[in-house]
Amino acid sequence: MKTIVLLFILSLSFGSYAQNDKQDKDAKKMEYNKLNEFERYVILEKGTERPYTGKYTDYKENGTYVCKQCGTALYKSTDKFDSQCGWPSFDDEIDGAVNRTTDADGRRTEITCANCGGHLGHVFFGEGFTDKNTRHCVNSVSLDFIPANEDTKKEKQ
């Protein structure tokens, strides 16, 4: 009898935990930035913007590139370089901010925001563009930019 009561209590606890965890995830999703149709296509459906059309392809300001969907810091402007590929290129990401997953075809490595899972683009290795020999090829539409002077203001608050 004690075993049955204990199992009943454990099942109630687990059910409550699972429900709270789902509510936390749902609440977090509701906090995401509102995306327009094209942003949803790229970020949620893993689409790609046309080369040389993105806002940040030739952008040269100092600051931090953040995820368009959730605002997580992804790349520092000091890691951005001109690869002439038609999309913003970075040779490094902020530690823990980007996940890498092999595409279904097994030929490329997709990069996504580690916080919200939003599609960023692809990462390539061995091309020789920089000493790090890495190129994160990112859709501009997947990014927002925070200028360095605003980064500094936020850190002081």
N, C-alpha and C. Protein backbone atom coordinates (compact mmCIF):
# COMPACT_ATOMS: atom_id res chain seq x y z
N MET A 1 0.81 -1.19 0.00
CA MET A 1 0.00 0.00 0.00
C MET A 1 0.87 1.27 0.00
N LYS A 2 1.95 1.23 0.83
CA LYS A 2 2.84 2.38 0.90
C LYS A 2 3.46 2.66 -0.47
N THR A 3 3.78 1.61 -1.21
CA THR A 3 4.38 1.76 -2.53
C THR A 3 3.42 2.44 -3.49
N ILE A 4 2.15 2.06 -3.42
CA ILE A 4 1.14 2.66 -4.29
C ILE A 4 0.98 4.13 -3.98
N VAL A 5 0.93 4.48 -2.71
CA VAL A 5 0.79 5.88 -2.30
C VAL A 5 2.02 6.67 -2.76
N LEU A 6 3.20 6.12 -2.58
CA LEU A 6 4.43 6.78 -2.99
C LEU A 6 4.45 7.00 -4.50
N LEU A 7 4.06 5.99 -5.26
CA LEU A 7 4.01 6.13 -6.71
C LEU A 7 2.99 7.20 -7.13
N PHE A 8 1.87 7.24 -6.44
CA PHE A 8 0.85 8.24 -6.73
C PHE A 8 1.39 9.65 -6.48
N ILE A 9 2.08 9.85 -5.37
CA ILE A 9 2.65 11.16 -5.03
C ILE A 9 3.71 11.55 -6.05
N LEU A 10 4.57 10.61 -6.42
CA LEU A 10 5.61 10.88 -7.42
C LEU A 10 5.00 11.26 -8.77
N SER A 11 3.93 10.56 -9.15
CA SER A 11 3.30 10.88 -10.45
C SER A 11 2.69 12.27 -10.42
N LEU A 12 2.11 12.66 -9.29
CA LEU A 12 1.57 14.01 -9.17
C LEU A 12 2.68 15.05 -9.27
N SER A 13 3.79 14.78 -8.60
CA SER A 13 4.93 15.71 -8.62
C SER A 13 5.48 15.84 -10.03
N PHE A 14 5.68 14.71 -10.71
CA PHE A 14 6.21 14.75 -12.07
C PHE A 14 5.27 15.48 -13.01
N GLY A 15 3.98 15.20 -12.89
CA GLY A 15 2.99 15.87 -13.74
C GLY A 15 3.03 17.37 -13.54
N SER A 16 3.15 17.79 -12.29
CA SER A 16 3.22 19.22 -11.98
C SER A 16 4.49 19.82 -12.56
N TYR A 17 5.62 19.10 -12.42
CA TYR A 17 6.89 19.58 -12.96
C TYR A 17 6.81 19.71 -14.48
N ALA A 18 6.29 18.70 -15.15
CA ALA A 18 6.19 18.72 -16.62
C ALA A 18 5.30 19.88 -17.06
N GLN A 19 4.19 20.11 -16.36
CA GLN A 19 3.29 21.19 -16.72
C GLN A 19 3.97 22.54 -16.50
N ASN A 20 4.69 22.72 -15.39
CA ASN A 20 5.40 23.97 -15.13
C ASN A 20 6.49 24.20 -16.17
N ASP A 21 7.22 23.14 -16.54
CA ASP A 21 8.27 23.25 -17.54
C ASP A 21 7.68 23.69 -18.88
N LYS A 22 6.54 23.10 -19.27
CA LYS A 22 5.88 23.49 -20.52
C LYS A 22 5.42 24.94 -20.45
N GLN A 23 4.86 25.35 -19.31
CA GLN A 23 4.41 26.73 -19.15
C GLN A 23 5.59 27.69 -19.24
N ASP A 24 6.74 27.32 -18.64
CA ASP A 24 7.93 28.17 -18.72
C ASP A 24 8.37 28.33 -20.16
N LYS A 25 8.38 27.24 -20.93
CA LYS A 25 8.80 27.30 -22.33
C LYS A 25 7.81 28.13 -23.15
N ASP A 26 6.51 27.94 -22.90
CA ASP A 26 5.49 28.70 -23.61
C ASP A 26 5.61 30.19 -23.29
N ALA A 27 5.84 30.52 -22.03
CA ALA A 27 5.99 31.92 -21.63
C ALA A 27 7.22 32.52 -22.29
N LYS A 28 8.29 31.75 -22.37
CA LYS A 28 9.52 32.24 -23.00
C LYS A 28 9.28 32.52 -24.48
N LYS A 29 8.55 31.62 -25.16
CA LYS A 29 8.24 31.83 -26.57
C LYS A 29 7.44 33.12 -26.77
N MET A 30 6.55 33.41 -25.85
CA MET A 30 5.71 34.59 -25.98
C MET A 30 6.54 35.87 -25.84
N GLU A 31 7.72 35.77 -25.24
CA GLU A 31 8.58 36.92 -25.07
C GLU A 31 9.41 37.22 -26.33
N TYR A 32 9.41 36.34 -27.31
CA TYR A 32 10.20 36.54 -28.51
C TYR A 32 9.69 37.75 -29.29
N ASN A 33 10.59 38.34 -30.06
CA ASN A 33 10.23 39.46 -30.91
C ASN A 33 9.27 39.01 -32.01
N LYS A 34 8.37 39.88 -32.37
CA LYS A 34 7.43 39.59 -33.46
C LYS A 34 8.20 39.61 -34.78
N LEU A 35 8.01 38.60 -35.59
CA LEU A 35 8.70 38.47 -36.88
C LEU A 35 7.73 38.73 -38.03
N ASN A 36 8.23 39.37 -39.08
CA ASN A 36 7.40 39.53 -40.28
C ASN A 36 7.43 38.23 -41.07
N GLU A 37 6.71 38.17 -42.16
CA GLU A 37 6.58 36.93 -42.93
C GLU A 37 7.93 36.41 -43.43
N PHE A 38 8.77 37.30 -43.97
CA PHE A 38 10.06 36.87 -44.50
C PHE A 38 10.99 36.42 -43.37
N GLU A 39 10.98 37.13 -42.25
CA GLU A 39 11.79 36.74 -41.10
C GLU A 39 11.38 35.36 -40.60
N ARG A 40 10.09 35.09 -40.55
CA ARG A 40 9.60 33.76 -40.15
C ARG A 40 10.08 32.69 -41.13
N TYR A 41 10.03 33.00 -42.43
CA TYR A 41 10.48 32.06 -43.45
C TYR A 41 11.94 31.66 -43.21
N VAL A 42 12.80 32.65 -42.97
CA VAL A 42 14.23 32.36 -42.79
C VAL A 42 14.50 31.75 -41.43
N ILE A 43 14.01 32.36 -40.36
CA ILE A 43 14.36 31.97 -39.01
C ILE A 43 13.66 30.69 -38.56
N LEU A 44 12.39 30.54 -38.89
CA LEU A 44 11.63 29.37 -38.42
C LEU A 44 11.58 28.24 -39.43
N GLU A 45 11.57 28.58 -40.73
CA GLU A 45 11.45 27.55 -41.76
C GLU A 45 12.79 27.25 -42.44
N LYS A 46 13.88 27.84 -41.91
CA LYS A 46 15.24 27.58 -42.39
C LYS A 46 15.44 28.02 -43.84
N GLY A 47 14.84 29.15 -44.19
CA GLY A 47 15.02 29.71 -45.52
C GLY A 47 16.34 30.47 -45.62
N THR A 48 16.54 31.11 -46.78
CA THR A 48 17.75 31.89 -47.02
C THR A 48 17.39 33.15 -47.77
N GLU A 49 17.98 34.27 -47.35
CA GLU A 49 17.78 35.50 -48.11
C GLU A 49 18.71 35.49 -49.32
N ARG A 50 18.37 36.23 -50.36
CA ARG A 50 19.21 36.29 -51.56
C ARG A 50 20.55 36.95 -51.23
N PRO A 51 21.63 36.52 -51.87
CA PRO A 51 22.94 37.13 -51.59
C PRO A 51 22.96 38.62 -51.95
N TYR A 52 23.74 39.37 -51.19
CA TYR A 52 23.96 40.81 -51.38
C TYR A 52 22.70 41.65 -51.18
N THR A 53 21.68 41.11 -50.52
CA THR A 53 20.46 41.88 -50.28
C THR A 53 20.29 42.23 -48.81
N GLY A 54 21.05 41.61 -47.93
CA GLY A 54 20.87 41.78 -46.50
C GLY A 54 21.45 43.08 -45.95
N LYS A 55 20.81 43.59 -44.93
CA LYS A 55 21.19 44.85 -44.28
C LYS A 55 22.61 44.83 -43.73
N TYR A 56 23.08 43.70 -43.24
CA TYR A 56 24.38 43.65 -42.56
C TYR A 56 25.52 43.08 -43.40
N THR A 57 25.29 42.82 -44.67
CA THR A 57 26.34 42.25 -45.51
C THR A 57 27.58 43.13 -45.52
N ASP A 58 27.43 44.42 -45.74
CA ASP A 58 28.58 45.33 -45.79
C ASP A 58 28.63 46.27 -44.58
N TYR A 59 27.92 45.96 -43.54
CA TYR A 59 27.83 46.80 -42.34
C TYR A 59 29.16 46.76 -41.60
N LYS A 60 29.66 47.93 -41.17
CA LYS A 60 30.99 47.98 -40.58
C LYS A 60 31.03 48.65 -39.19
N GLU A 61 29.90 48.85 -38.55
CA GLU A 61 29.87 49.51 -37.24
C GLU A 61 30.39 48.57 -36.14
N ASN A 62 30.85 49.16 -35.03
CA ASN A 62 31.30 48.38 -33.87
C ASN A 62 30.12 48.09 -32.96
N GLY A 63 30.03 46.84 -32.51
CA GLY A 63 28.95 46.47 -31.61
C GLY A 63 28.75 44.96 -31.59
N THR A 64 27.53 44.57 -31.31
CA THR A 64 27.19 43.16 -31.15
C THR A 64 25.99 42.81 -32.02
N TYR A 65 26.10 41.68 -32.71
CA TYR A 65 24.99 41.15 -33.51
C TYR A 65 24.21 40.19 -32.61
N VAL A 66 22.89 40.38 -32.56
CA VAL A 66 22.03 39.57 -31.70
C VAL A 66 20.98 38.85 -32.54
N CYS A 67 20.41 37.81 -31.98
CA CYS A 67 19.36 37.05 -32.65
C CYS A 67 18.12 37.94 -32.83
N LYS A 68 17.61 37.98 -34.04
CA LYS A 68 16.42 38.78 -34.36
C LYS A 68 15.20 38.29 -33.57
N GLN A 69 15.11 36.99 -33.34
CA GLN A 69 13.93 36.44 -32.67
C GLN A 69 13.95 36.64 -31.16
N CYS A 70 15.10 36.40 -30.51
CA CYS A 70 15.10 36.41 -29.04
C CYS A 70 16.04 37.44 -28.42
N GLY A 71 16.91 38.05 -29.22
CA GLY A 71 17.80 39.08 -28.70
C GLY A 71 19.08 38.58 -28.06
N THR A 72 19.36 37.29 -28.13
CA THR A 72 20.59 36.75 -27.57
C THR A 72 21.80 37.23 -28.37
N ALA A 73 22.85 37.65 -27.66
CA ALA A 73 24.09 38.08 -28.31
C ALA A 73 24.75 36.88 -28.98
N LEU A 74 25.07 37.03 -30.29
CA LEU A 74 25.61 35.92 -31.07
C LEU A 74 27.04 36.17 -31.55
N TYR A 75 27.29 37.37 -32.08
CA TYR A 75 28.57 37.68 -32.71
C TYR A 75 29.04 39.08 -32.34
N LYS A 76 30.35 39.24 -32.19
CA LYS A 76 30.96 40.55 -31.99
C LYS A 76 31.37 41.10 -33.36
N SER A 77 31.25 42.40 -33.53
CA SER A 77 31.63 43.00 -34.81
C SER A 77 33.11 42.79 -35.12
N THR A 78 33.93 42.60 -34.10
CA THR A 78 35.37 42.37 -34.32
C THR A 78 35.64 41.02 -34.97
N ASP A 79 34.65 40.12 -34.98
CA ASP A 79 34.80 38.81 -35.61
C ASP A 79 34.18 38.77 -37.01
N LYS A 80 33.67 39.91 -37.48
CA LYS A 80 33.06 39.99 -38.80
C LYS A 80 34.15 40.28 -39.83
N PHE A 81 34.02 39.68 -41.01
CA PHE A 81 34.98 39.94 -42.09
C PHE A 81 34.27 39.90 -43.44
N ASP A 82 34.91 40.45 -44.44
CA ASP A 82 34.33 40.50 -45.78
C ASP A 82 34.79 39.29 -46.58
N SER A 83 33.89 38.34 -46.77
CA SER A 83 34.23 37.12 -47.52
C SER A 83 33.79 37.19 -48.97
N GLN A 84 33.08 38.27 -49.35
CA GLN A 84 32.56 38.43 -50.71
C GLN A 84 31.60 37.31 -51.09
N CYS A 85 30.90 36.73 -50.09
CA CYS A 85 29.97 35.63 -50.38
C CYS A 85 28.53 36.12 -50.53
N GLY A 86 28.28 37.38 -50.12
CA GLY A 86 26.93 37.92 -50.24
C GLY A 86 26.12 37.91 -48.96
N TRP A 87 26.67 37.38 -47.89
CA TRP A 87 26.03 37.37 -46.59
C TRP A 87 27.05 37.82 -45.54
N PRO A 88 26.59 38.31 -44.40
CA PRO A 88 27.54 38.64 -43.34
C PRO A 88 28.34 37.40 -42.94
N SER A 89 29.64 37.59 -42.73
CA SER A 89 30.52 36.47 -42.37
C SER A 89 31.26 36.78 -41.07
N PHE A 90 31.35 35.77 -40.22
CA PHE A 90 32.03 35.88 -38.94
C PHE A 90 32.94 34.67 -38.80
N ASP A 91 34.13 34.88 -38.19
CA ASP A 91 35.01 33.72 -38.01
C ASP A 91 34.97 33.18 -36.58
N ASP A 92 34.06 33.72 -35.77
CA ASP A 92 33.89 33.22 -34.41
C ASP A 92 32.53 33.66 -33.89
N GLU A 93 32.01 32.91 -32.92
CA GLU A 93 30.75 33.28 -32.29
C GLU A 93 31.00 33.53 -30.80
N ILE A 94 30.06 34.16 -30.14
CA ILE A 94 30.14 34.34 -28.69
C ILE A 94 29.95 32.96 -28.07
N ASP A 95 30.81 32.62 -27.12
CA ASP A 95 30.79 31.28 -26.51
C ASP A 95 29.40 30.86 -26.08
N GLY A 96 28.98 29.68 -26.55
CA GLY A 96 27.70 29.10 -26.16
C GLY A 96 26.47 29.67 -26.83
N ALA A 97 26.64 30.63 -27.75
CA ALA A 97 25.49 31.31 -28.34
C ALA A 97 24.94 30.63 -29.59
N VAL A 98 25.75 29.80 -30.24
CA VAL A 98 25.37 29.22 -31.52
C VAL A 98 25.51 27.70 -31.47
N ASN A 99 24.47 27.01 -31.92
CA ASN A 99 24.52 25.55 -32.05
C ASN A 99 24.83 25.17 -33.49
N ARG A 100 25.50 24.06 -33.66
CA ARG A 100 25.85 23.54 -34.99
C ARG A 100 25.22 22.17 -35.16
N THR A 101 24.56 21.98 -36.31
CA THR A 101 23.89 20.71 -36.61
C THR A 101 24.12 20.36 -38.07
N THR A 102 24.45 19.13 -38.34
CA THR A 102 24.63 18.69 -39.73
C THR A 102 23.29 18.71 -40.44
N ASP A 103 23.24 19.33 -41.63
CA ASP A 103 22.02 19.36 -42.44
C ASP A 103 21.60 17.94 -42.79
N ALA A 104 20.34 17.78 -43.16
CA ALA A 104 19.81 16.47 -43.53
C ALA A 104 20.58 15.84 -44.67
N ASP A 105 21.10 16.68 -45.59
CA ASP A 105 21.85 16.13 -46.72
C ASP A 105 23.27 15.74 -46.34
N GLY A 106 23.70 16.08 -45.12
CA GLY A 106 25.02 15.70 -44.63
C GLY A 106 26.18 16.50 -45.19
N ARG A 107 25.89 17.49 -46.03
CA ARG A 107 26.97 18.24 -46.69
C ARG A 107 27.33 19.55 -46.00
N ARG A 108 26.37 20.15 -45.31
CA ARG A 108 26.62 21.44 -44.67
C ARG A 108 26.29 21.36 -43.19
N THR A 109 26.79 22.36 -42.45
CA THR A 109 26.52 22.46 -41.02
C THR A 109 25.67 23.70 -40.77
N GLU A 110 24.44 23.47 -40.33
CA GLU A 110 23.54 24.58 -40.02
C GLU A 110 23.93 25.20 -38.68
N ILE A 111 23.76 26.53 -38.58
CA ILE A 111 23.95 27.21 -37.31
C ILE A 111 22.62 27.81 -36.87
N THR A 112 22.32 27.64 -35.58
CA THR A 112 21.08 28.15 -35.01
C THR A 112 21.39 28.84 -33.68
N CYS A 113 20.51 29.72 -33.27
CA CYS A 113 20.62 30.39 -31.98
C CYS A 113 20.47 29.34 -30.88
N ALA A 114 21.43 29.30 -29.96
CA ALA A 114 21.38 28.31 -28.89
C ALA A 114 20.22 28.58 -27.92
N ASN A 115 19.73 29.79 -27.88
CA ASN A 115 18.64 30.12 -26.96
C ASN A 115 17.27 29.75 -27.51
N CYS A 116 16.98 30.16 -28.75
CA CYS A 116 15.62 29.97 -29.28
C CYS A 116 15.55 28.98 -30.44
N GLY A 117 16.69 28.56 -30.97
CA GLY A 117 16.70 27.61 -32.08
C GLY A 117 16.48 28.23 -33.44
N GLY A 118 16.44 29.56 -33.51
CA GLY A 118 16.23 30.24 -34.79
C GLY A 118 17.37 29.98 -35.77
N HIS A 119 17.01 29.75 -37.02
CA HIS A 119 18.00 29.49 -38.08
C HIS A 119 18.79 30.75 -38.38
N LEU A 120 20.12 30.61 -38.39
CA LEU A 120 21.01 31.74 -38.70
C LEU A 120 21.62 31.59 -40.09
N GLY A 121 22.05 30.41 -40.43
CA GLY A 121 22.72 30.17 -41.71
C GLY A 121 23.51 28.88 -41.64
N HIS A 122 24.76 28.94 -42.13
CA HIS A 122 25.63 27.76 -42.14
C HIS A 122 27.06 28.17 -41.79
N VAL A 123 27.83 27.21 -41.31
CA VAL A 123 29.23 27.46 -41.00
C VAL A 123 30.09 26.57 -41.91
N PHE A 124 31.19 27.15 -42.39
CA PHE A 124 32.10 26.45 -43.31
C PHE A 124 33.51 26.51 -42.74
N PHE A 125 34.30 25.49 -43.02
CA PHE A 125 35.66 25.39 -42.50
C PHE A 125 36.65 25.17 -43.64
N GLY A 126 37.89 25.60 -43.41
CA GLY A 126 38.97 25.29 -44.34
C GLY A 126 39.02 26.15 -45.59
N GLU A 127 38.37 27.30 -45.58
CA GLU A 127 38.36 28.16 -46.77
C GLU A 127 39.53 29.14 -46.80
N GLY A 128 40.19 29.35 -45.66
CA GLY A 128 41.37 30.20 -45.60
C GLY A 128 41.12 31.70 -45.58
N PHE A 129 39.91 32.14 -45.31
CA PHE A 129 39.63 33.58 -45.27
C PHE A 129 40.31 34.27 -44.10
N THR A 130 40.36 33.58 -42.94
CA THR A 130 40.96 34.17 -41.74
C THR A 130 41.87 33.13 -41.09
N ASP A 131 42.61 33.56 -40.09
CA ASP A 131 43.48 32.63 -39.35
C ASP A 131 42.68 31.53 -38.66
N LYS A 132 41.44 31.83 -38.28
CA LYS A 132 40.60 30.83 -37.61
C LYS A 132 40.03 29.81 -38.61
N ASN A 133 40.11 30.14 -39.91
CA ASN A 133 39.72 29.20 -40.97
C ASN A 133 38.26 28.75 -40.85
N THR A 134 37.42 29.66 -40.36
CA THR A 134 36.01 29.38 -40.14
C THR A 134 35.19 30.54 -40.71
N ARG A 135 34.06 30.20 -41.35
CA ARG A 135 33.17 31.25 -41.85
C ARG A 135 31.73 30.93 -41.49
N HIS A 136 31.19 31.72 -40.57
CA HIS A 136 29.76 31.65 -40.28
C HIS A 136 29.08 32.53 -41.32
N CYS A 137 28.33 31.93 -42.19
CA CYS A 137 27.61 32.63 -43.26
C CYS A 137 26.18 32.82 -42.76
N VAL A 138 25.84 34.07 -42.37
CA VAL A 138 24.62 34.33 -41.63
C VAL A 138 23.66 35.20 -42.43
N ASN A 139 22.39 34.87 -42.39
CA ASN A 139 21.36 35.71 -43.00
C ASN A 139 21.22 36.99 -42.20
N SER A 140 21.30 38.14 -42.86
CA SER A 140 21.11 39.42 -42.17
C SER A 140 19.77 39.48 -41.46
N VAL A 141 18.75 38.89 -42.09
CA VAL A 141 17.40 38.95 -41.54
C VAL A 141 17.29 38.19 -40.21
N SER A 142 18.25 37.34 -39.92
CA SER A 142 18.26 36.60 -38.65
C SER A 142 18.88 37.41 -37.52
N LEU A 143 19.40 38.60 -37.86
CA LEU A 143 20.17 39.39 -36.90
C LEU A 143 19.56 40.76 -36.62
N ASP A 144 19.87 41.29 -35.47
CA ASP A 144 19.73 42.70 -35.14
C ASP A 144 21.11 43.15 -34.69
N PHE A 145 21.31 44.46 -34.59
CA PHE A 145 22.62 44.98 -34.23
C PHE A 145 22.49 45.97 -33.09
N ILE A 146 23.36 45.83 -32.10
CA ILE A 146 23.41 46.78 -30.99
C ILE A 146 24.76 47.50 -31.08
N PRO A 147 24.75 48.81 -31.35
CA PRO A 147 26.00 49.57 -31.44
C PRO A 147 26.81 49.49 -30.14
N ALA A 148 28.12 49.60 -30.26
CA ALA A 148 29.03 49.47 -29.11
C ALA A 148 28.68 50.44 -28.00
N ASN A 149 28.31 51.67 -28.31
CA ASN A 149 27.99 52.63 -27.25
C ASN A 149 26.76 52.20 -26.47
N GLU A 150 25.82 51.50 -27.09
CA GLU A 150 24.64 51.00 -26.37
C GLU A 150 25.00 49.77 -25.54
N ASP A 151 25.95 48.93 -26.05
CA ASP A 151 26.44 47.79 -25.27
C ASP A 151 27.01 48.27 -23.95
N THR A 152 27.81 49.34 -24.02
CA THR A 152 28.46 49.88 -22.84
C THR A 152 27.43 50.42 -21.85
N LYS A 153 26.42 51.11 -22.35
CA LYS A 153 25.38 51.66 -21.49
C LYS A 153 24.63 50.54 -20.75
N LYS A 154 24.32 49.45 -21.46
CA LYS A 154 23.58 48.34 -20.86
C LYS A 154 24.41 47.66 -19.77
N GLU A 155 25.74 47.54 -20.00
CA GLU A 155 26.60 46.89 -19.02
C GLU A 155 26.70 47.69 -17.73
N LYS A 156 26.60 49.02 -17.80
CA LYS A 156 26.74 49.87 -16.63
C LYS A 156 25.47 49.89 -15.79
N GLN A 157 24.34 49.55 -16.37
CA GLN A 157 23.06 49.60 -15.64
C GLN A 157 22.94 48.50 -14.63
